[in-house]
């Protein structure tokens, strides 16, 4: 099933990127308004980003201490591409900062409106100062811009989107208006908000690996937890390590928990399950799992050629007496 991000991207496939929006010099910035759909909401937010970046290019910049700047508090992205960040840092070290970042003044320093990667690159190479352009912008605009800017980039997970949405909640009188402003169905909004009801041990892993669980799977897990309580928590603790290791597809996580609960209230504990990883060189090719539910061998796609697959089939036929 498609992730929330994929649904949003489908609705915004025809949008121009911020840098392609043509703005006349005397045009006043527009404030993001409630739109009929995500395409409208993101188009407005992207236009606002373009306006701010254009203002930054034309305005006089100033240098401020890197240490006095903090990210947009509504920034949903938890993980930044390390290789690309190092590449940007090398470029800045060699050629300097071409475009200043955009910030707003807050009580204790500055908050980034646009340009967090440039700021992170400065910290990476030990720069004390960074060129900035200061603008005035509301909390609601900051929240919408952070979400919009990241949704149109690759790699943002449902969990990261959910964090931004939860931080944005207080800027709207109710969730109905929030869903309308974001241009998403209320069902999608509630699905994203379901991450907040997951157990702490799952949240800790998602903070480190946000792509482990999608919104649909999170909602399914929360549904079982609310219905079955502590019994379901035990099942979640039993199966979650398999999701983290990649041995259990996250889309099947909720179903497995439900089946474990309904089959007697207990899932096989981690101690009762033996998982042996199979490697091809340094890459994990699959795993062998033995527990109360059976003996399972899983091989990842593309790890077997036709000859190897045939050898496995022949072995199974020999073991179970089905050889012709």
C-alpha atoms as a PDB file:
ATOM      1  CA  UNK A   1       0.000   0.000   0.000  1.00  0.00           C
ATOM      2  CA  UNK A   2       1.243   3.491  -0.818  1.00  0.00           C
ATOM      3  CA  UNK A   3       2.736   5.585   1.954  1.00  0.00           C
ATOM      4  CA  UNK A   4       1.202   8.911   2.926  1.00  0.00           C
ATOM      5  CA  UNK A   5       4.108  10.644   1.219  1.00  0.00           C
ATOM      6  CA  UNK A   6       3.445   8.763  -2.036  1.00  0.00           C
ATOM      7  CA  UNK A   7      -0.213   9.807  -1.952  1.00  0.00           C
ATOM      8  CA  UNK A   8       0.821  13.432  -1.458  1.00  0.00           C
ATOM      9  CA  UNK A   9       3.393  13.230  -4.214  1.00  0.00           C
ATOM     10  CA  UNK A  10       0.783  11.803  -6.589  1.00  0.00           C
ATOM     11  CA  UNK A  11      -1.380  14.847  -5.921  1.00  0.00           C
ATOM     12  CA  UNK A  12       1.519  17.232  -6.475  1.00  0.00           C
ATOM     13  CA  UNK A  13       3.225  15.565  -9.440  1.00  0.00           C
ATOM     14  CA  UNK A  14       2.537  18.518 -11.735  1.00  0.00           C
ATOM     15  CA  UNK A  15       3.731  21.208  -9.329  1.00  0.00           C
ATOM     16  CA  UNK A  16       6.727  23.269 -10.304  1.00  0.00           C
ATOM     17  CA  UNK A  17       9.640  23.346  -7.914  1.00  0.00           C
ATOM     18  CA  UNK A  18      10.160  26.517  -5.903  1.00  0.00           C
ATOM     19  CA  UNK A  19      13.080  27.644  -8.028  1.00  0.00           C
ATOM     20  CA  UNK A  20      10.924  27.509 -11.191  1.00  0.00           C
ATOM     21  CA  UNK A  21       8.200  29.861  -9.918  1.00  0.00           C
ATOM     22  CA  UNK A  22       8.416  33.236 -11.652  1.00  0.00           C
ATOM     23  CA  UNK A  23       7.798  36.100  -9.239  1.00  0.00           C
ATOM     24  CA  UNK A  24       7.867  39.783 -10.122  1.00  0.00           C
ATOM     25  CA  UNK A  25      10.036  41.952  -7.821  1.00  0.00           C
ATOM     26  CA  UNK A  26       7.093  44.011  -6.546  1.00  0.00           C
ATOM     27  CA  UNK A  27       4.858  41.076  -5.760  1.00  0.00           C
ATOM     28  CA  UNK A  28       3.994  40.777  -2.079  1.00  0.00           C
ATOM     29  CA  UNK A  29       4.382  37.411  -0.349  1.00  0.00           C
ATOM     30  CA  UNK A  30       1.163  35.486   0.061  1.00  0.00           C
ATOM     31  CA  UNK A  31       0.211  33.689   3.247  1.00  0.00           C
ATOM     32  CA  UNK A  32      -0.610  29.983   2.892  1.00  0.00           C
ATOM     33  CA  UNK A  33      -4.373  29.584   2.831  1.00  0.00           C
ATOM     34  CA  UNK A  34      -6.638  26.618   3.262  1.00  0.00           C
ATOM     35  CA  UNK A  35      -6.908  24.908  -0.115  1.00  0.00           C
ATOM     36  CA  UNK A  36      -9.182  22.238  -1.563  1.00  0.00           C
ATOM     37  CA  UNK A  37      -6.402  19.669  -1.656  1.00  0.00           C
ATOM     38  CA  UNK A  38      -2.773  18.898  -0.972  1.00  0.00           C
ATOM     39  CA  UNK A  39      -1.839  20.207  -4.418  1.00  0.00           C
ATOM     40  CA  UNK A  40      -3.214  23.634  -3.534  1.00  0.00           C
ATOM     41  CA  UNK A  41      -1.691  23.651  -0.046  1.00  0.00           C
ATOM     42  CA  UNK A  42       1.758  22.636  -1.263  1.00  0.00           C
ATOM     43  CA  UNK A  43       1.651  24.928  -4.290  1.00  0.00           C
ATOM     44  CA  UNK A  44       0.995  27.887  -2.006  1.00  0.00           C
ATOM     45  CA  UNK A  45       3.709  26.820   0.428  1.00  0.00           C
ATOM     46  CA  UNK A  46       6.218  26.237  -2.365  1.00  0.00           C
ATOM     47  CA  UNK A  47       5.482  29.690  -3.738  1.00  0.00           C
ATOM     48  CA  UNK A  48       6.119  31.146  -0.286  1.00  0.00           C
ATOM     49  CA  UNK A  49       9.463  29.300  -0.128  1.00  0.00           C
ATOM     50  CA  UNK A  50      10.394  30.728  -3.530  1.00  0.00           C
ATOM     51  CA  UNK A  51       9.464  34.228  -2.412  1.00  0.00           C
ATOM     52  CA  UNK A  52      11.607  33.953   0.713  1.00  0.00           C
ATOM     53  CA  UNK A  53      14.584  32.565  -1.209  1.00  0.00           C
ATOM     54  CA  UNK A  54      14.221  35.363  -3.780  1.00  0.00           C
ATOM     55  CA  UNK A  55      14.080  37.947  -1.010  1.00  0.00           C
ATOM     56  CA  UNK A  56      17.212  36.408   0.476  1.00  0.00           C
ATOM     57  CA  UNK A  57      19.056  36.710  -2.825  1.00  0.00           C
ATOM     58  CA  UNK A  58      18.154  40.404  -3.132  1.00  0.00           C
ATOM     59  CA  UNK A  59      18.476  41.504   0.485  1.00  0.00           C
ATOM     60  CA  UNK A  60      21.591  42.458   2.372  1.00  0.00           C
ATOM     61  CA  UNK A  61      22.877  39.585   4.469  1.00  0.00           C
ATOM     62  CA  UNK A  62      24.559  39.574   7.833  1.00  0.00           C
ATOM     63  CA  UNK A  63      26.829  37.093   9.573  1.00  0.00           C
ATOM     64  CA  UNK A  64      25.627  35.518  12.805  1.00  0.00           C
ATOM     65  CA  UNK A  65      27.131  32.796  15.011  1.00  0.00           C
ATOM     66  CA  UNK A  66      26.272  29.280  13.866  1.00  0.00           C
ATOM     67  CA  UNK A  67      25.710  28.335  17.508  1.00  0.00           C
ATOM     68  CA  UNK A  68      22.881  30.876  17.857  1.00  0.00           C
ATOM     69  CA  UNK A  69      20.825  29.215  15.127  1.00  0.00           C
ATOM     70  CA  UNK A  70      18.499  26.249  15.554  1.00  0.00           C
ATOM     71  CA  UNK A  71      16.456  24.265  13.017  1.00  0.00           C
ATOM     72  CA  UNK A  72      12.826  24.977  12.241  1.00  0.00           C
ATOM     73  CA  UNK A  73      11.045  23.324  15.215  1.00  0.00           C
ATOM     74  CA  UNK A  74       8.491  21.912  12.784  1.00  0.00           C
ATOM     75  CA  UNK A  75      11.182  20.310  10.620  1.00  0.00           C
ATOM     76  CA  UNK A  76      10.008  16.715  10.049  1.00  0.00           C
ATOM     77  CA  UNK A  77      13.226  15.253   8.681  1.00  0.00           C
ATOM     78  CA  UNK A  78      15.074  13.090  11.234  1.00  0.00           C
ATOM     79  CA  UNK A  79      17.844  11.768   8.972  1.00  0.00           C
ATOM     80  CA  UNK A  80      19.925  13.748   6.481  1.00  0.00           C
ATOM     81  CA  UNK A  81      21.890  12.119   3.662  1.00  0.00           C
ATOM     82  CA  UNK A  82      25.410  12.043   5.073  1.00  0.00           C
ATOM     83  CA  UNK A  83      27.169  11.734   1.709  1.00  0.00           C
ATOM     84  CA  UNK A  84      25.318  14.717   0.225  1.00  0.00           C
ATOM     85  CA  UNK A  85      25.894  16.759   3.383  1.00  0.00           C
ATOM     86  CA  UNK A  86      29.641  16.039   3.215  1.00  0.00           C
ATOM     87  CA  UNK A  87      29.646  17.004  -0.458  1.00  0.00           C
ATOM     88  CA  UNK A  88      27.931  20.316   0.354  1.00  0.00           C
ATOM     89  CA  UNK A  89      30.361  20.938   3.221  1.00  0.00           C
ATOM     90  CA  UNK A  90      33.327  20.394   0.885  1.00  0.00           C
ATOM     91  CA  UNK A  91      31.845  22.815  -1.624  1.00  0.00           C
ATOM     92  CA  UNK A  92      31.338  25.483   1.040  1.00  0.00           C
ATOM     93  CA  UNK A  93      34.861  24.954   2.356  1.00  0.00           C
ATOM     94  CA  UNK A  94      36.262  25.421  -1.142  1.00  0.00           C
ATOM     95  CA  UNK A  95      34.033  28.162  -2.550  1.00  0.00           C
ATOM     96  CA  UNK A  96      32.189  29.670   0.393  1.00  0.00           C
ATOM     97  CA  UNK A  97      28.455  30.018   0.902  1.00  0.00           C
ATOM     98  CA  UNK A  98      26.840  31.139  -2.356  1.00  0.00           C
ATOM     99  CA  UNK A  99      23.350  31.777  -0.990  1.00  0.00           C
ATOM    100  CA  UNK A 100      22.681  32.903   2.603  1.00  0.00           C
ATOM    101  CA  UNK A 101      20.205  30.944   4.664  1.00  0.00           C
ATOM    102  CA  UNK A 102      16.863  32.472   5.653  1.00  0.00           C
ATOM    103  CA  UNK A 103      16.129  32.838   9.370  1.00  0.00           C
ATOM    104  CA  UNK A 104      13.688  34.512  11.730  1.00  0.00           C
ATOM    105  CA  UNK A 105      14.544  36.129  15.046  1.00  0.00           C
ATOM    106  CA  UNK A 106      13.313  34.365  18.187  1.00  0.00           C
ATOM    107  CA  UNK A 107      13.840  35.039  21.882  1.00  0.00           C
ATOM    108  CA  UNK A 108      16.990  32.915  22.076  1.00  0.00           C
ATOM    109  CA  UNK A 109      18.736  33.444  18.753  1.00  0.00           C
ATOM    110  CA  UNK A 110      17.411  32.461  15.334  1.00  0.00           C
ATOM    111  CA  UNK A 111      15.297  29.724  13.727  1.00  0.00           C
ATOM    112  CA  UNK A 112      15.930  28.457  10.206  1.00  0.00           C
ATOM    113  CA  UNK A 113      13.227  29.185   7.648  1.00  0.00           C
ATOM    114  CA  UNK A 114      15.148  27.807   4.659  1.00  0.00           C
ATOM    115  CA  UNK A 115      18.650  26.393   4.337  1.00  0.00           C
ATOM    116  CA  UNK A 116      19.105  23.834   7.114  1.00  0.00           C
ATOM    117  CA  UNK A 117      21.472  21.696   5.036  1.00  0.00           C
ATOM    118  CA  UNK A 118      23.748  24.723   4.497  1.00  0.00           C
ATOM    119  CA  UNK A 119      23.705  25.406   8.243  1.00  0.00           C
ATOM    120  CA  UNK A 120      24.506  21.767   9.046  1.00  0.00           C
ATOM    121  CA  UNK A 121      27.348  21.839   6.528  1.00  0.00           C
ATOM    122  CA  UNK A 122      28.814  24.888   8.307  1.00  0.00           C
ATOM    123  CA  UNK A 123      28.732  23.031  11.621  1.00  0.00           C
ATOM    124  CA  UNK A 124      30.317  20.009   9.963  1.00  0.00           C
ATOM    125  CA  UNK A 125      33.389  21.962   8.827  1.00  0.00           C
ATOM    126  CA  UNK A 126      33.644  23.957  12.067  1.00  0.00           C
ATOM    127  CA  UNK A 127      32.559  27.363  10.774  1.00  0.00           C
ATOM    128  CA  UNK A 128      31.753  29.848  13.548  1.00  0.00           C
ATOM    129  CA  UNK A 129      29.715  32.287  11.435  1.00  0.00           C
ATOM    130  CA  UNK A 130      27.187  31.950   8.620  1.00  0.00           C
ATOM    131  CA  UNK A 131      25.563  34.526   6.347  1.00  0.00           C
ATOM    132  CA  UNK A 132      21.821  34.942   6.921  1.00  0.00           C
ATOM    133  CA  UNK A 133      18.901  37.035   5.778  1.00  0.00           C
ATOM    134  CA  UNK A 134      16.311  37.746   8.446  1.00  0.00           C
ATOM    135  CA  UNK A 135      12.567  37.678   7.661  1.00  0.00           C
ATOM    136  CA  UNK A 136       9.330  37.886   9.611  1.00  0.00           C
ATOM    137  CA  UNK A 137       7.142  34.800   9.391  1.00  0.00           C
ATOM    138  CA  UNK A 138       4.373  33.284  11.525  1.00  0.00           C
ATOM    139  CA  UNK A 139       4.472  29.940  13.338  1.00  0.00           C
ATOM    140  CA  UNK A 140       1.771  28.558  11.053  1.00  0.00           C
ATOM    141  CA  UNK A 141       3.747  29.544   7.954  1.00  0.00           C
ATOM    142  CA  UNK A 142       6.890  27.973   9.446  1.00  0.00           C
ATOM    143  CA  UNK A 143       5.043  24.722  10.074  1.00  0.00           C
ATOM    144  CA  UNK A 144       3.477  24.577   6.619  1.00  0.00           C
ATOM    145  CA  UNK A 145       6.732  25.480   4.871  1.00  0.00           C
ATOM    146  CA  UNK A 146       8.724  22.809   6.687  1.00  0.00           C
ATOM    147  CA  UNK A 147       6.201  20.134   5.817  1.00  0.00           C
ATOM    148  CA  UNK A 148       5.739  21.235   2.205  1.00  0.00           C
ATOM    149  CA  UNK A 149       9.459  21.628   1.503  1.00  0.00           C
ATOM    150  CA  UNK A 150      10.201  18.134   2.734  1.00  0.00           C
ATOM    151  CA  UNK A 151       7.234  16.287   1.230  1.00  0.00           C
ATOM    152  CA  UNK A 152       8.343  17.239  -2.279  1.00  0.00           C
ATOM    153  CA  UNK A 153      11.800  15.801  -1.613  1.00  0.00           C
ATOM    154  CA  UNK A 154      12.617  12.117  -1.736  1.00  0.00           C
ATOM    155  CA  UNK A 155      12.938   9.960   1.330  1.00  0.00           C
ATOM    156  CA  UNK A 156      10.628  11.567   3.881  1.00  0.00           C
ATOM    157  CA  UNK A 157       8.950   8.792   5.863  1.00  0.00           C
ATOM    158  CA  UNK A 158       5.405   8.641   7.194  1.00  0.00           C
ATOM    159  CA  UNK A 159       6.826   8.832  10.717  1.00  0.00           C
ATOM    160  CA  UNK A 160       8.718  12.044   9.957  1.00  0.00           C
ATOM    161  CA  UNK A 161       5.602  13.574   8.381  1.00  0.00           C
ATOM    162  CA  UNK A 162       3.630  12.586  11.479  1.00  0.00           C
ATOM    163  CA  UNK A 163       6.108  14.368  13.759  1.00  0.00           C
ATOM    164  CA  UNK A 164       5.758  17.580  11.805  1.00  0.00           C
ATOM    165  CA  UNK A 165       1.979  17.319  11.766  1.00  0.00           C
ATOM    166  CA  UNK A 166       1.839  16.743  15.518  1.00  0.00           C
ATOM    167  CA  UNK A 167       4.036  19.794  16.081  1.00  0.00           C
ATOM    168  CA  UNK A 168       1.767  21.775  13.753  1.00  0.00           C
ATOM    169  CA  UNK A 169      -1.457  20.763  15.524  1.00  0.00           C
ATOM    170  CA  UNK A 170      -1.491  23.626  17.985  1.00  0.00           C
ATOM    171  CA  UNK A 171      -1.519  26.123  15.099  1.00  0.00           C
ATOM    172  CA  UNK A 172      -5.027  24.989  14.104  1.00  0.00           C
ATOM    173  CA  UNK A 173      -8.265  25.185  16.122  1.00  0.00           C
ATOM    174  CA  UNK A 174      -9.183  21.577  15.339  1.00  0.00           C
ATOM    175  CA  UNK A 175      -8.086  18.574  13.288  1.00  0.00           C
ATOM    176  CA  UNK A 176     -10.773  19.065  10.666  1.00  0.00           C
ATOM    177  CA  UNK A 177      -9.386  22.479   9.755  1.00  0.00           C
ATOM    178  CA  UNK A 178      -5.875  21.103   9.942  1.00  0.00           C
ATOM    179  CA  UNK A 179      -6.685  18.319   7.473  1.00  0.00           C
ATOM    180  CA  UNK A 180      -8.270  20.873   5.154  1.00  0.00           C
ATOM    181  CA  UNK A 181      -5.260  23.196   5.336  1.00  0.00           C
ATOM    182  CA  UNK A 182      -2.916  20.296   4.571  1.00  0.00           C
ATOM    183  CA  UNK A 183      -5.188  19.135   1.767  1.00  0.00           C
ATOM    184  CA  UNK A 184      -5.524  15.585   3.052  1.00  0.00           C
ATOM    185  CA  UNK A 185      -8.436  13.396   4.021  1.00  0.00           C
ATOM    186  CA  UNK A 186      -9.158  13.226   7.734  1.00  0.00           C
ATOM    187  CA  UNK A 187      -8.613   9.465   7.580  1.00  0.00           C
ATOM    188  CA  UNK A 188      -5.038  10.041   6.348  1.00  0.00           C
ATOM    189  CA  UNK A 189      -4.465  12.631   9.061  1.00  0.00           C
ATOM    190  CA  UNK A 190      -5.663  10.296  11.824  1.00  0.00           C
ATOM    191  CA  UNK A 191      -3.580   7.497  10.334  1.00  0.00           C
ATOM    192  CA  UNK A 192      -0.462   9.654  10.614  1.00  0.00           C
ATOM    193  CA  UNK A 193      -1.347  10.718  14.142  1.00  0.00           C
ATOM    194  CA  UNK A 194      -1.581   7.058  15.201  1.00  0.00           C
ATOM    195  CA  UNK A 195       2.231   6.952  15.530  1.00  0.00           C
ATOM    196  CA  UNK A 196       1.833   8.873  18.799  1.00  0.00           C
ATOM    197  CA  UNK A 197       0.019   5.886  20.344  1.00  0.00           C
ATOM    198  CA  UNK A 198       2.773   3.353  19.645  1.00  0.00           C
ATOM    199  CA  UNK A 199       4.833   1.937  22.552  1.00  0.00           C
ATOM    200  CA  UNK A 200       7.954   3.864  23.551  1.00  0.00           C
ATOM    201  CA  UNK A 201      10.330   1.088  22.454  1.00  0.00           C
ATOM    202  CA  UNK A 202       8.995   1.373  18.892  1.00  0.00           C
ATOM    203  CA  UNK A 203       9.228   5.179  18.920  1.00  0.00           C
ATOM    204  CA  UNK A 204      12.885   4.991  20.010  1.00  0.00           C
ATOM    205  CA  UNK A 205      13.694   2.762  17.032  1.00  0.00           C
ATOM    206  CA  UNK A 206      11.710   4.986  14.650  1.00  0.00           C
ATOM    207  CA  UNK A 207      13.686   8.017  15.802  1.00  0.00           C
ATOM    208  CA  UNK A 208      16.800   6.211  14.567  1.00  0.00           C
ATOM    209  CA  UNK A 209      15.262   4.449  11.548  1.00  0.00           C
ATOM    210  CA  UNK A 210      12.083   6.345  10.556  1.00  0.00           C
ATOM    211  CA  UNK A 211      11.364   4.103   7.563  1.00  0.00           C
ATOM    212  CA  UNK A 212      10.829   0.989   9.684  1.00  0.00           C
ATOM    213  CA  UNK A 213       7.057   1.484   9.856  1.00  0.00           C
ATOM    214  CA  UNK A 214       4.507   3.133   7.572  1.00  0.00           C
ATOM    215  CA  UNK A 215       1.362   4.943   8.702  1.00  0.00           C
ATOM    216  CA  UNK A 216      -1.006   2.168   7.603  1.00  0.00           C
ATOM    217  CA  UNK A 217       0.961  -0.411   9.588  1.00  0.00           C
ATOM    218  CA  UNK A 218       1.168   1.918  12.592  1.00  0.00           C
ATOM    219  CA  UNK A 219      -2.602   2.391  12.562  1.00  0.00           C
ATOM    220  CA  UNK A 220      -3.148  -1.375  12.391  1.00  0.00           C
ATOM    221  CA  UNK A 221      -0.850  -1.953  15.372  1.00  0.00           C
ATOM    222  CA  UNK A 222      -2.500   0.781  17.435  1.00  0.00           C
ATOM    223  CA  UNK A 223      -5.923  -0.681  16.655  1.00  0.00           C
ATOM    224  CA  UNK A 224      -4.895  -4.068  18.079  1.00  0.00           C
ATOM    225  CA  UNK A 225      -3.255  -2.442  21.105  1.00  0.00           C
ATOM    226  CA  UNK A 226      -6.373  -0.451  21.956  1.00  0.00           C
ATOM    227  CA  UNK A 227      -8.585  -3.524  21.614  1.00  0.00           C
ATOM    228  CA  UNK A 228      -6.453  -6.087  23.461  1.00  0.00           C
ATOM    229  CA  UNK A 229      -4.285  -4.080  25.881  1.00  0.00           C
ATOM    230  CA  UNK A 230      -1.391  -5.801  27.662  1.00  0.00           C
ATOM    231  CA  UNK A 231      -1.783  -9.059  25.753  1.00  0.00           C
ATOM    232  CA  UNK A 232      -1.234  -7.171  22.509  1.00  0.00           C
ATOM    233  CA  UNK A 233       1.760  -5.325  23.983  1.00  0.00           C
ATOM    234  CA  UNK A 234       3.428  -8.702  24.617  1.00  0.00           C
ATOM    235  CA  UNK A 235       2.783  -9.711  21.012  1.00  0.00           C
ATOM    236  CA  UNK A 236       4.182  -6.409  19.748  1.00  0.00           C
ATOM    237  CA  UNK A 237       7.357  -6.879  21.815  1.00  0.00           C
ATOM    238  CA  UNK A 238       7.717 -10.369  20.378  1.00  0.00           C
ATOM    239  CA  UNK A 239       7.328  -9.428  16.712  1.00  0.00           C
ATOM    240  CA  UNK A 240       8.916  -5.977  16.618  1.00  0.00           C
ATOM    241  CA  UNK A 241      12.535  -7.284  16.547  1.00  0.00           C
ATOM    242  CA  UNK A 242      11.645  -9.131  13.336  1.00  0.00           C
ATOM    243  CA  UNK A 243      10.470  -5.860  11.759  1.00  0.00           C
ATOM    244  CA  UNK A 244      13.677  -4.113  12.798  1.00  0.00           C
ATOM    245  CA  UNK A 245      15.838  -6.932  11.401  1.00  0.00           C
ATOM    246  CA  UNK A 246      13.895  -7.029   8.145  1.00  0.00           C
ATOM    247  CA  UNK A 247      12.679 -10.583   8.701  1.00  0.00           C
ATOM    248  CA  UNK A 248       9.058  -9.413   8.973  1.00  0.00           C
ATOM    249  CA  UNK A 249       7.557  -7.084   6.382  1.00  0.00           C
ATOM    250  CA  UNK A 250       6.189  -4.068   8.249  1.00  0.00           C
ATOM    251  CA  UNK A 251       2.925  -4.300   6.281  1.00  0.00           C
ATOM    252  CA  UNK A 252       2.293  -7.694   7.941  1.00  0.00           C
ATOM    253  CA  UNK A 253       3.177  -6.515  11.442  1.00  0.00           C
ATOM    254  CA  UNK A 254      -0.347  -5.626  12.565  1.00  0.00           C
ATOM    255  CA  UNK A 255      -1.818  -8.789  11.083  1.00  0.00           C
ATOM    256  CA  UNK A 256       0.728 -10.989  12.841  1.00  0.00           C
ATOM    257  CA  UNK A 257       0.033  -9.319  16.178  1.00  0.00           C
ATOM    258  CA  UNK A 258      -3.704  -9.745  15.728  1.00  0.00           C
ATOM    259  CA  UNK A 259      -3.294 -13.419  14.843  1.00  0.00           C
ATOM    260  CA  UNK A 260      -1.017 -14.005  17.844  1.00  0.00           C
ATOM    261  CA  UNK A 261      -3.525 -12.404  20.210  1.00  0.00           C
ATOM    262  CA  UNK A 262      -6.559 -14.154  18.769  1.00  0.00           C
ATOM    263  CA  UNK A 263      -4.839 -17.544  18.790  1.00  0.00           C
ATOM    264  CA  UNK A 264      -4.450 -17.552  22.549  1.00  0.00           C
ATOM    265  CA  UNK A 265      -3.230 -14.200  23.708  1.00  0.00           C
ATOM    266  CA  UNK A 266       0.447 -15.062  23.535  1.00  0.00           C
ATOM    267  CA  UNK A 267       2.956 -14.749  20.785  1.00  0.00           C
ATOM    268  CA  UNK A 268       6.183 -16.659  20.774  1.00  0.00           C
ATOM    269  CA  UNK A 269       8.579 -14.685  22.939  1.00  0.00           C
ATOM    270  CA  UNK A 270      11.874 -13.453  21.624  1.00  0.00           C
ATOM    271  CA  UNK A 271      13.603 -16.005  23.855  1.00  0.00           C
ATOM    272  CA  UNK A 272      11.627 -18.840  22.195  1.00  0.00           C
ATOM    273  CA  UNK A 273      12.537 -17.654  18.707  1.00  0.00           C
ATOM    274  CA  UNK A 274      15.868 -18.403  17.098  1.00  0.00           C
ATOM    275  CA  UNK A 275      16.850 -16.258  14.127  1.00  0.00           C
ATOM    276  CA  UNK A 276      19.967 -17.017  12.135  1.00  0.00           C
ATOM    277  CA  UNK A 277      20.957 -14.503   9.486  1.00  0.00           C
ATOM    278  CA  UNK A 278      22.308 -15.735   6.156  1.00  0.00           C
ATOM    279  CA  UNK A 279      25.031 -13.674   4.499  1.00  0.00           C
ATOM    280  CA  UNK A 280      26.451 -13.522   1.001  1.00  0.00           C
ATOM    281  CA  UNK A 281      29.752 -11.824   1.625  1.00  0.00           C
ATOM    282  CA  UNK A 282      28.968  -8.774   3.765  1.00  0.00           C
ATOM    283  CA  UNK A 283      25.354  -8.457   2.610  1.00  0.00           C
ATOM    284  CA  UNK A 284      22.485 -10.191   4.383  1.00  0.00           C
ATOM    285  CA  UNK A 285      20.913 -12.612   1.939  1.00  0.00           C
ATOM    286  CA  UNK A 286      18.119 -13.819   4.201  1.00  0.00           C
ATOM    287  CA  UNK A 287      17.410 -15.589   7.462  1.00  0.00           C
ATOM    288  CA  UNK A 288      16.376 -18.854   9.088  1.00  0.00           C
ATOM    289  CA  UNK A 289      13.747 -18.507  11.826  1.00  0.00           C
ATOM    290  CA  UNK A 290      12.663 -21.278  14.179  1.00  0.00           C
ATOM    291  CA  UNK A 291       9.883 -20.746  16.728  1.00  0.00           C
ATOM    292  CA  UNK A 292       6.617 -22.262  17.901  1.00  0.00           C
ATOM    293  CA  UNK A 293       4.938 -21.376  14.612  1.00  0.00           C
ATOM    294  CA  UNK A 294       7.410 -23.298  12.469  1.00  0.00           C
ATOM    295  CA  UNK A 295      10.712 -23.282  10.645  1.00  0.00           C
ATOM    296  CA  UNK A 296      11.041 -20.510   8.061  1.00  0.00           C
ATOM    297  CA  UNK A 297      13.756 -19.813   5.526  1.00  0.00           C
ATOM    298  CA  UNK A 298      13.600 -16.394   3.853  1.00  0.00           C
ATOM    299  CA  UNK A 299      15.826 -15.334   0.977  1.00  0.00           C
ATOM    300  CA  UNK A 300      15.804 -11.733  -0.176  1.00  0.00           C
ATOM    301  CA  UNK A 301      14.870 -10.927  -3.794  1.00  0.00           C
ATOM    302  CA  UNK A 302      17.736 -11.127  -6.255  1.00  0.00           C
ATOM    303  CA  UNK A 303      20.002 -13.199  -3.983  1.00  0.00           C
ATOM    304  CA  UNK A 304      19.478 -16.509  -5.811  1.00  0.00           C
ATOM    305  CA  UNK A 305      20.164 -17.355  -9.420  1.00  0.00           C
ATOM    306  CA  UNK A 306      18.127 -19.971 -11.291  1.00  0.00           C
ATOM    307  CA  UNK A 307      20.615 -22.764 -10.587  1.00  0.00           C
ATOM    308  CA  UNK A 308      20.667 -22.084  -6.828  1.00  0.00           C
ATOM    309  CA  UNK A 309      16.883 -21.958  -6.690  1.00  0.00           C
ATOM    310  CA  UNK A 310      16.660 -25.299  -8.453  1.00  0.00           C
ATOM    311  CA  UNK A 311      19.127 -26.848  -5.976  1.00  0.00           C
ATOM    312  CA  UNK A 312      16.942 -25.719  -3.069  1.00  0.00           C
ATOM    313  CA  UNK A 313      13.829 -27.143  -4.695  1.00  0.00           C
ATOM    314  CA  UNK A 314      15.612 -30.441  -5.306  1.00  0.00           C
ATOM    315  CA  UNK A 315      16.742 -30.614  -1.668  1.00  0.00           C
ATOM    316  CA  UNK A 316      13.207 -29.997  -0.410  1.00  0.00           C
ATOM    317  CA  UNK A 317      11.849 -32.652  -2.747  1.00  0.00           C
ATOM    318  CA  UNK A 318      14.446 -35.106  -1.473  1.00  0.00           C
ATOM    319  CA  UNK A 319      13.771 -34.279   2.203  1.00  0.00           C
ATOM    320  CA  UNK A 320      10.010 -34.743   1.924  1.00  0.00           C
ATOM    321  CA  UNK A 321      10.002 -37.630  -0.511  1.00  0.00           C
ATOM    322  CA  UNK A 322       8.412 -35.765  -3.383  1.00  0.00           C
ATOM    323  CA  UNK A 323      11.252 -36.226  -5.837  1.00  0.00           C
ATOM    324  CA  UNK A 324      10.128 -37.619  -9.154  1.00  0.00           C
END
